[in-house]
Amino acid sequence: MRFGTCTSSTITPETTSAGGRRCFAVALPADGRVTADLRRAVREHARRWGVPDCADAVLVASELFANAVLHGTPAVGTSVRVEVAHLGECIRIAVTDGCRDRVPVRRDVSETAESGRGLRLLDDLTRDWDTTVAEDGKTVWAEVPIHPAT
């Protein structure tokens, strides 16, 4: 599932796709230093969309972006594309990098390991996630359920 015509060259504008979905998309430098900007953008857009409890979506976007930067971007100076859409009952986050050869694989990690829990986090926080491989790279996407305000 792709977002169709939802595109943007900056991180803040919101657009509407041909299907009427509220979304934003951005190509970010493959640099972990912009992760905070991405988290802020997801939080601000989710609140505009009427989703005040968006901590899970913010965390999932951050994890997917970090994984793309650490494991999926083959060359310095490349970018990572992030697309976020409000689909009514969920927020869908898709992160695309230029490396089609390295897809996410769950690992067993020890209690003392400092990393390796990201895919388990996706299992716990999303209703579904997967990877789509294309000629020019891969997209890891996740659908984070929207919980009603209490």
N, C-alpha and C. Protein backbone atom coordinates (compact mmCIF):
# COMPACT_ATOMS: atom_id res chain seq x y z
N MET A 1 0.85 -1.18 0.00
CA MET A 1 0.00 0.00 0.00
C MET A 1 0.89 1.24 0.00
N ARG A 2 0.71 2.09 -0.97
CA ARG A 2 1.50 3.31 -1.07
C ARG A 2 0.59 4.51 -0.82
N PHE A 3 1.21 5.66 -0.61
CA PHE A 3 0.45 6.86 -0.31
C PHE A 3 0.02 7.63 -1.54
N GLY A 4 0.36 7.17 -2.71
CA GLY A 4 -0.08 7.85 -3.93
C GLY A 4 0.56 9.21 -4.09
N THR A 5 -0.24 10.25 -4.14
CA THR A 5 0.26 11.57 -4.48
C THR A 5 0.64 12.42 -3.27
N CYS A 6 0.71 11.85 -2.11
CA CYS A 6 1.06 12.62 -0.92
C CYS A 6 2.56 12.84 -0.90
N THR A 7 3.00 14.05 -1.28
CA THR A 7 4.42 14.34 -1.29
C THR A 7 4.68 15.75 -0.78
N SER A 8 5.89 15.97 -0.31
CA SER A 8 6.30 17.28 0.16
C SER A 8 7.81 17.32 0.21
N SER A 9 8.39 18.49 0.03
CA SER A 9 9.84 18.59 0.08
C SER A 9 10.32 19.12 1.43
N THR A 10 9.40 19.48 2.31
CA THR A 10 9.80 19.91 3.64
C THR A 10 9.05 19.09 4.67
N ILE A 11 9.42 19.24 5.93
CA ILE A 11 8.86 18.35 6.94
C ILE A 11 7.52 18.82 7.49
N THR A 12 7.14 20.07 7.35
CA THR A 12 5.95 20.54 8.02
C THR A 12 4.65 20.57 7.22
N PRO A 13 4.64 20.83 5.91
CA PRO A 13 3.35 20.96 5.24
C PRO A 13 2.54 19.67 5.26
N GLU A 14 1.25 19.83 5.40
CA GLU A 14 0.34 18.70 5.30
C GLU A 14 -0.29 18.73 3.93
N THR A 15 -0.45 17.59 3.34
CA THR A 15 -1.09 17.51 2.04
C THR A 15 -2.21 16.49 2.13
N THR A 16 -3.01 16.46 1.11
CA THR A 16 -4.08 15.49 1.03
C THR A 16 -3.87 14.67 -0.23
N SER A 17 -3.89 13.36 -0.08
CA SER A 17 -3.66 12.49 -1.23
C SER A 17 -4.91 12.44 -2.09
N ALA A 18 -4.79 11.80 -3.22
CA ALA A 18 -5.91 11.67 -4.14
C ALA A 18 -7.09 10.98 -3.46
N GLY A 19 -6.83 10.09 -2.50
CA GLY A 19 -7.89 9.39 -1.78
C GLY A 19 -8.45 10.18 -0.62
N GLY A 20 -8.01 11.41 -0.41
CA GLY A 20 -8.53 12.25 0.66
C GLY A 20 -7.86 12.02 2.01
N ARG A 21 -6.79 11.25 2.05
CA ARG A 21 -6.11 11.00 3.31
C ARG A 21 -5.29 12.22 3.71
N ARG A 22 -5.27 12.50 4.99
CA ARG A 22 -4.39 13.55 5.51
C ARG A 22 -3.03 12.93 5.73
N CYS A 23 -2.00 13.57 5.19
CA CYS A 23 -0.67 12.98 5.28
C CYS A 23 0.41 14.03 5.10
N PHE A 24 1.63 13.63 5.43
CA PHE A 24 2.78 14.44 5.05
C PHE A 24 3.90 13.49 4.68
N ALA A 25 4.79 13.97 3.87
CA ALA A 25 5.92 13.17 3.41
C ALA A 25 7.14 14.07 3.29
N VAL A 26 8.29 13.49 3.54
CA VAL A 26 9.52 14.28 3.50
C VAL A 26 10.70 13.37 3.22
N ALA A 27 11.68 13.89 2.51
CA ALA A 27 12.97 13.21 2.34
C ALA A 27 13.93 13.86 3.32
N LEU A 28 14.40 13.08 4.27
CA LEU A 28 15.31 13.58 5.31
C LEU A 28 16.72 13.07 5.07
N PRO A 29 17.71 13.84 5.47
CA PRO A 29 19.07 13.32 5.37
C PRO A 29 19.21 12.08 6.24
N ALA A 30 19.99 11.12 5.80
CA ALA A 30 20.22 9.90 6.57
C ALA A 30 21.16 10.23 7.72
N ASP A 31 20.63 10.94 8.69
CA ASP A 31 21.42 11.47 9.79
C ASP A 31 20.56 11.44 11.05
N GLY A 32 20.99 10.72 12.04
CA GLY A 32 20.23 10.58 13.27
C GLY A 32 19.94 11.89 13.98
N ARG A 33 20.67 12.94 13.65
CA ARG A 33 20.46 14.23 14.32
C ARG A 33 19.13 14.87 13.95
N VAL A 34 18.46 14.40 12.89
CA VAL A 34 17.16 14.98 12.53
C VAL A 34 15.99 14.19 13.12
N THR A 35 16.29 13.16 13.90
CA THR A 35 15.23 12.33 14.48
C THR A 35 14.29 13.14 15.36
N ALA A 36 14.81 14.06 16.13
CA ALA A 36 13.96 14.88 16.99
C ALA A 36 12.99 15.72 16.16
N ASP A 37 13.45 16.24 15.02
CA ASP A 37 12.57 17.00 14.13
C ASP A 37 11.44 16.12 13.59
N LEU A 38 11.77 14.89 13.24
CA LEU A 38 10.75 13.96 12.76
C LEU A 38 9.73 13.67 13.86
N ARG A 39 10.19 13.39 15.06
CA ARG A 39 9.26 13.12 16.16
C ARG A 39 8.33 14.31 16.38
N ARG A 40 8.87 15.51 16.35
CA ARG A 40 8.07 16.72 16.54
C ARG A 40 7.02 16.85 15.43
N ALA A 41 7.41 16.59 14.19
CA ALA A 41 6.47 16.70 13.07
C ALA A 41 5.35 15.68 13.18
N VAL A 42 5.68 14.44 13.54
CA VAL A 42 4.63 13.42 13.70
C VAL A 42 3.67 13.84 14.80
N ARG A 43 4.19 14.29 15.93
CA ARG A 43 3.35 14.72 17.05
C ARG A 43 2.45 15.89 16.64
N GLU A 44 3.00 16.90 15.98
CA GLU A 44 2.22 18.08 15.59
C GLU A 44 1.13 17.71 14.58
N HIS A 45 1.44 16.90 13.59
CA HIS A 45 0.44 16.51 12.60
C HIS A 45 -0.64 15.64 13.24
N ALA A 46 -0.25 14.70 14.08
CA ALA A 46 -1.25 13.84 14.73
C ALA A 46 -2.22 14.68 15.56
N ARG A 47 -1.73 15.66 16.24
CA ARG A 47 -2.62 16.53 17.04
C ARG A 47 -3.55 17.34 16.14
N ARG A 48 -3.03 17.82 15.00
CA ARG A 48 -3.89 18.52 14.04
C ARG A 48 -4.99 17.61 13.51
N TRP A 49 -4.67 16.32 13.40
CA TRP A 49 -5.63 15.34 12.89
C TRP A 49 -6.58 14.85 13.98
N GLY A 50 -6.47 15.44 15.18
CA GLY A 50 -7.37 15.05 16.27
C GLY A 50 -6.92 13.81 17.02
N VAL A 51 -5.63 13.52 17.00
CA VAL A 51 -5.09 12.35 17.69
C VAL A 51 -4.13 12.85 18.77
N PRO A 52 -4.67 13.21 19.96
CA PRO A 52 -3.80 13.77 21.00
C PRO A 52 -2.86 12.75 21.63
N ASP A 53 -3.28 11.48 21.70
CA ASP A 53 -2.43 10.43 22.27
C ASP A 53 -1.69 9.74 21.14
N CYS A 54 -0.55 10.32 20.75
CA CYS A 54 0.18 9.82 19.59
C CYS A 54 1.57 9.32 19.96
N ALA A 55 1.80 9.05 21.23
CA ALA A 55 3.14 8.63 21.67
C ALA A 55 3.61 7.38 20.94
N ASP A 56 2.72 6.42 20.70
CA ASP A 56 3.12 5.20 20.00
C ASP A 56 3.55 5.51 18.57
N ALA A 57 2.80 6.36 17.88
CA ALA A 57 3.15 6.72 16.51
C ALA A 57 4.49 7.45 16.46
N VAL A 58 4.73 8.33 17.41
CA VAL A 58 5.99 9.06 17.47
C VAL A 58 7.15 8.08 17.69
N LEU A 59 6.96 7.14 18.60
CA LEU A 59 8.01 6.16 18.88
C LEU A 59 8.27 5.24 17.67
N VAL A 60 7.22 4.80 17.02
CA VAL A 60 7.37 3.93 15.85
C VAL A 60 8.08 4.68 14.71
N ALA A 61 7.68 5.93 14.46
CA ALA A 61 8.35 6.72 13.41
C ALA A 61 9.84 6.88 13.72
N SER A 62 10.14 7.15 14.96
CA SER A 62 11.53 7.32 15.38
C SER A 62 12.32 6.02 15.18
N GLU A 63 11.73 4.90 15.55
CA GLU A 63 12.40 3.60 15.42
C GLU A 63 12.62 3.24 13.95
N LEU A 64 11.61 3.42 13.11
CA LEU A 64 11.75 3.10 11.69
C LEU A 64 12.82 3.98 11.03
N PHE A 65 12.82 5.26 11.37
CA PHE A 65 13.81 6.17 10.80
C PHE A 65 15.22 5.78 11.27
N ALA A 66 15.37 5.52 12.56
CA ALA A 66 16.69 5.14 13.09
C ALA A 66 17.19 3.87 12.42
N ASN A 67 16.30 2.89 12.23
CA ASN A 67 16.71 1.65 11.57
C ASN A 67 17.16 1.91 10.13
N ALA A 68 16.45 2.79 9.43
CA ALA A 68 16.83 3.12 8.05
C ALA A 68 18.21 3.77 8.01
N VAL A 69 18.46 4.67 8.95
CA VAL A 69 19.75 5.35 8.99
C VAL A 69 20.87 4.37 9.35
N LEU A 70 20.63 3.52 10.35
CA LEU A 70 21.68 2.61 10.83
C LEU A 70 21.91 1.40 9.92
N HIS A 71 20.83 0.86 9.38
CA HIS A 71 20.95 -0.41 8.68
C HIS A 71 20.61 -0.37 7.19
N GLY A 72 19.95 0.68 6.74
CA GLY A 72 19.41 0.63 5.40
C GLY A 72 19.95 1.61 4.39
N THR A 73 20.73 2.56 4.81
CA THR A 73 21.19 3.57 3.87
C THR A 73 22.61 3.23 3.45
N PRO A 74 22.81 2.89 2.18
CA PRO A 74 24.11 2.39 1.75
C PRO A 74 25.21 3.44 1.57
N ALA A 75 24.87 4.70 1.40
CA ALA A 75 25.92 5.68 1.11
C ALA A 75 25.72 6.97 1.89
N VAL A 76 26.83 7.59 2.26
CA VAL A 76 26.79 8.88 2.93
C VAL A 76 26.18 9.90 1.98
N GLY A 77 25.36 10.80 2.51
CA GLY A 77 24.76 11.84 1.69
C GLY A 77 23.44 11.44 1.07
N THR A 78 22.97 10.24 1.35
CA THR A 78 21.69 9.82 0.81
C THR A 78 20.57 10.25 1.75
N SER A 79 19.35 10.09 1.28
CA SER A 79 18.22 10.50 2.11
C SER A 79 17.32 9.31 2.40
N VAL A 80 16.46 9.52 3.38
CA VAL A 80 15.46 8.55 3.80
C VAL A 80 14.11 9.24 3.64
N ARG A 81 13.18 8.58 2.97
CA ARG A 81 11.85 9.15 2.76
C ARG A 81 10.91 8.65 3.85
N VAL A 82 10.20 9.59 4.47
CA VAL A 82 9.24 9.26 5.52
C VAL A 82 7.88 9.77 5.09
N GLU A 83 6.89 8.90 5.16
CA GLU A 83 5.51 9.26 4.84
C GLU A 83 4.64 8.87 6.03
N VAL A 84 3.78 9.79 6.44
CA VAL A 84 2.90 9.55 7.58
C VAL A 84 1.49 9.94 7.16
N ALA A 85 0.54 9.05 7.41
CA ALA A 85 -0.85 9.33 7.00
C ALA A 85 -1.82 8.92 8.10
N HIS A 86 -2.87 9.71 8.21
CA HIS A 86 -3.98 9.40 9.12
C HIS A 86 -5.00 8.63 8.30
N LEU A 87 -5.24 7.38 8.69
CA LEU A 87 -6.16 6.52 7.93
C LEU A 87 -7.47 6.27 8.68
N GLY A 88 -7.80 7.14 9.60
CA GLY A 88 -9.04 6.97 10.36
C GLY A 88 -8.80 6.22 11.65
N GLU A 89 -8.62 4.91 11.55
CA GLU A 89 -8.44 4.10 12.76
C GLU A 89 -6.97 3.88 13.11
N CYS A 90 -6.07 4.38 12.27
CA CYS A 90 -4.64 4.22 12.56
C CYS A 90 -3.84 5.33 11.89
N ILE A 91 -2.59 5.43 12.33
CA ILE A 91 -1.61 6.28 11.66
C ILE A 91 -0.63 5.34 10.99
N ARG A 92 -0.45 5.52 9.69
CA ARG A 92 0.45 4.65 8.92
C ARG A 92 1.75 5.41 8.67
N ILE A 93 2.85 4.78 9.02
CA ILE A 93 4.17 5.36 8.87
C ILE A 93 4.95 4.46 7.91
N ALA A 94 5.54 5.06 6.89
CA ALA A 94 6.34 4.30 5.93
C ALA A 94 7.68 5.00 5.77
N VAL A 95 8.75 4.23 5.89
CA VAL A 95 10.10 4.78 5.79
C VAL A 95 10.82 4.02 4.69
N THR A 96 11.32 4.77 3.71
CA THR A 96 11.97 4.18 2.54
C THR A 96 13.43 4.58 2.50
N ASP A 97 14.29 3.59 2.32
CA ASP A 97 15.71 3.87 2.14
C ASP A 97 16.17 3.22 0.84
N GLY A 98 17.39 3.48 0.44
CA GLY A 98 17.88 3.02 -0.84
C GLY A 98 18.56 1.67 -0.84
N CYS A 99 18.42 0.90 0.22
CA CYS A 99 19.12 -0.38 0.32
C CYS A 99 18.12 -1.53 0.31
N ARG A 100 18.03 -2.20 -0.83
CA ARG A 100 17.07 -3.30 -0.95
C ARG A 100 17.62 -4.61 -0.42
N ASP A 101 18.92 -4.68 -0.14
CA ASP A 101 19.55 -5.93 0.25
C ASP A 101 19.47 -6.23 1.74
N ARG A 102 19.16 -5.23 2.55
CA ARG A 102 19.11 -5.45 4.00
C ARG A 102 17.70 -5.19 4.50
N VAL A 103 16.96 -6.27 4.73
CA VAL A 103 15.60 -6.15 5.25
C VAL A 103 15.60 -6.48 6.74
N PRO A 104 14.63 -5.94 7.48
CA PRO A 104 14.59 -6.20 8.93
C PRO A 104 14.42 -7.68 9.25
N VAL A 105 15.17 -8.14 10.23
CA VAL A 105 15.09 -9.52 10.71
C VAL A 105 15.09 -9.49 12.23
N ARG A 106 14.09 -10.14 12.83
CA ARG A 106 14.04 -10.21 14.30
C ARG A 106 15.23 -11.04 14.80
N ARG A 107 15.78 -10.58 15.92
CA ARG A 107 16.89 -11.30 16.55
C ARG A 107 16.55 -11.57 18.00
N ASP A 108 17.08 -12.64 18.51
CA ASP A 108 17.01 -12.87 19.95
C ASP A 108 18.17 -12.10 20.57
N VAL A 109 17.85 -11.32 21.59
CA VAL A 109 18.89 -10.52 22.24
C VAL A 109 18.89 -10.83 23.73
N SER A 110 20.04 -10.66 24.33
CA SER A 110 20.16 -10.90 25.77
C SER A 110 19.59 -9.71 26.53
N GLU A 111 19.33 -9.92 27.80
CA GLU A 111 18.82 -8.85 28.66
C GLU A 111 19.78 -7.68 28.75
N THR A 112 21.05 -7.92 28.57
CA THR A 112 22.05 -6.86 28.72
C THR A 112 22.42 -6.19 27.40
N ALA A 113 21.89 -6.68 26.30
CA ALA A 113 22.20 -6.07 24.99
C ALA A 113 21.65 -4.65 24.95
N GLU A 114 22.41 -3.75 24.32
CA GLU A 114 22.01 -2.35 24.24
C GLU A 114 21.12 -2.05 23.05
N SER A 115 21.00 -2.98 22.11
CA SER A 115 20.16 -2.75 20.94
C SER A 115 19.55 -4.08 20.50
N GLY A 116 18.73 -4.01 19.46
CA GLY A 116 18.17 -5.23 18.91
C GLY A 116 16.72 -5.50 19.28
N ARG A 117 16.05 -4.54 19.90
CA ARG A 117 14.67 -4.74 20.33
C ARG A 117 13.64 -3.98 19.49
N GLY A 118 14.10 -3.31 18.46
CA GLY A 118 13.21 -2.45 17.67
C GLY A 118 12.07 -3.17 17.00
N LEU A 119 12.32 -4.34 16.44
CA LEU A 119 11.25 -5.06 15.75
C LEU A 119 10.24 -5.63 16.74
N ARG A 120 10.68 -5.98 17.92
CA ARG A 120 9.74 -6.41 18.96
C ARG A 120 8.86 -5.23 19.38
N LEU A 121 9.45 -4.06 19.41
CA LEU A 121 8.70 -2.85 19.70
C LEU A 121 7.60 -2.65 18.65
N LEU A 122 7.93 -2.85 17.38
CA LEU A 122 6.93 -2.75 16.32
C LEU A 122 5.82 -3.78 16.54
N ASP A 123 6.18 -5.01 16.91
CA ASP A 123 5.18 -6.03 17.18
C ASP A 123 4.22 -5.59 18.28
N ASP A 124 4.75 -4.94 19.31
CA ASP A 124 3.94 -4.55 20.47
C ASP A 124 3.08 -3.32 20.22
N LEU A 125 3.57 -2.38 19.43
CA LEU A 125 2.89 -1.09 19.29
C LEU A 125 2.04 -0.94 18.04
N THR A 126 2.17 -1.85 17.09
CA THR A 126 1.45 -1.69 15.82
C THR A 126 0.45 -2.80 15.62
N ARG A 127 -0.54 -2.52 14.77
CA ARG A 127 -1.48 -3.59 14.43
C ARG A 127 -0.94 -4.43 13.28
N ASP A 128 -0.01 -3.86 12.52
CA ASP A 128 0.63 -4.59 11.44
C ASP A 128 1.85 -3.81 10.98
N TRP A 129 2.84 -4.52 10.48
CA TRP A 129 4.00 -3.88 9.86
C TRP A 129 4.63 -4.90 8.92
N ASP A 130 5.37 -4.38 7.95
CA ASP A 130 5.99 -5.27 6.98
C ASP A 130 7.03 -4.48 6.18
N THR A 131 7.68 -5.17 5.28
CA THR A 131 8.67 -4.57 4.40
C THR A 131 8.30 -4.86 2.96
N THR A 132 8.41 -3.84 2.12
CA THR A 132 8.20 -3.98 0.69
C THR A 132 9.51 -3.64 0.00
N VAL A 133 10.03 -4.57 -0.79
CA VAL A 133 11.28 -4.35 -1.50
C VAL A 133 10.97 -4.00 -2.96
N ALA A 134 11.66 -2.96 -3.44
CA ALA A 134 11.51 -2.51 -4.83
C ALA A 134 12.90 -2.42 -5.46
N GLU A 135 12.93 -2.08 -6.74
CA GLU A 135 14.21 -1.96 -7.45
C GLU A 135 15.13 -0.92 -6.81
N ASP A 136 14.56 0.17 -6.31
CA ASP A 136 15.37 1.28 -5.82
C ASP A 136 15.53 1.30 -4.30
N GLY A 137 15.13 0.25 -3.61
CA GLY A 137 15.28 0.22 -2.16
C GLY A 137 14.17 -0.56 -1.50
N LYS A 138 13.92 -0.22 -0.26
CA LYS A 138 12.85 -0.90 0.47
C LYS A 138 12.08 0.11 1.31
N THR A 139 10.84 -0.26 1.61
CA THR A 139 9.99 0.52 2.50
C THR A 139 9.57 -0.37 3.65
N VAL A 140 9.81 0.11 4.86
CA VAL A 140 9.29 -0.56 6.04
C VAL A 140 8.13 0.30 6.52
N TRP A 141 6.95 -0.31 6.63
CA TRP A 141 5.77 0.44 7.01
C TRP A 141 5.14 -0.20 8.25
N ALA A 142 4.41 0.63 8.99
CA ALA A 142 3.74 0.16 10.19
C ALA A 142 2.45 0.93 10.37
N GLU A 143 1.43 0.28 10.88
CA GLU A 143 0.14 0.91 11.18
C GLU A 143 -0.07 0.90 12.69
N VAL A 144 -0.10 2.12 13.23
CA VAL A 144 -0.24 2.30 14.68
C VAL A 144 -1.70 2.61 14.98
N PRO A 145 -2.36 1.77 15.79
CA PRO A 145 -3.77 2.02 16.11
C PRO A 145 -3.96 3.33 16.86
N ILE A 146 -5.07 3.98 16.59
CA ILE A 146 -5.43 5.20 17.32
C ILE A 146 -6.32 4.77 18.48
N HIS A 147 -5.91 5.13 19.67
CA HIS A 147 -6.69 4.79 20.86
C HIS A 147 -7.58 5.97 21.20
N PRO A 148 -8.88 5.71 21.46
CA PRO A 148 -9.77 6.81 21.82
C PRO A 148 -9.32 7.50 23.10
N ALA A 149 -9.55 8.79 23.15
CA ALA A 149 -9.21 9.56 24.36
C ALA A 149 -10.06 9.07 25.51
N THR A 150 -9.46 9.00 26.69
CA THR A 150 -10.20 8.54 27.87
C THR A 150 -10.46 9.66 28.82
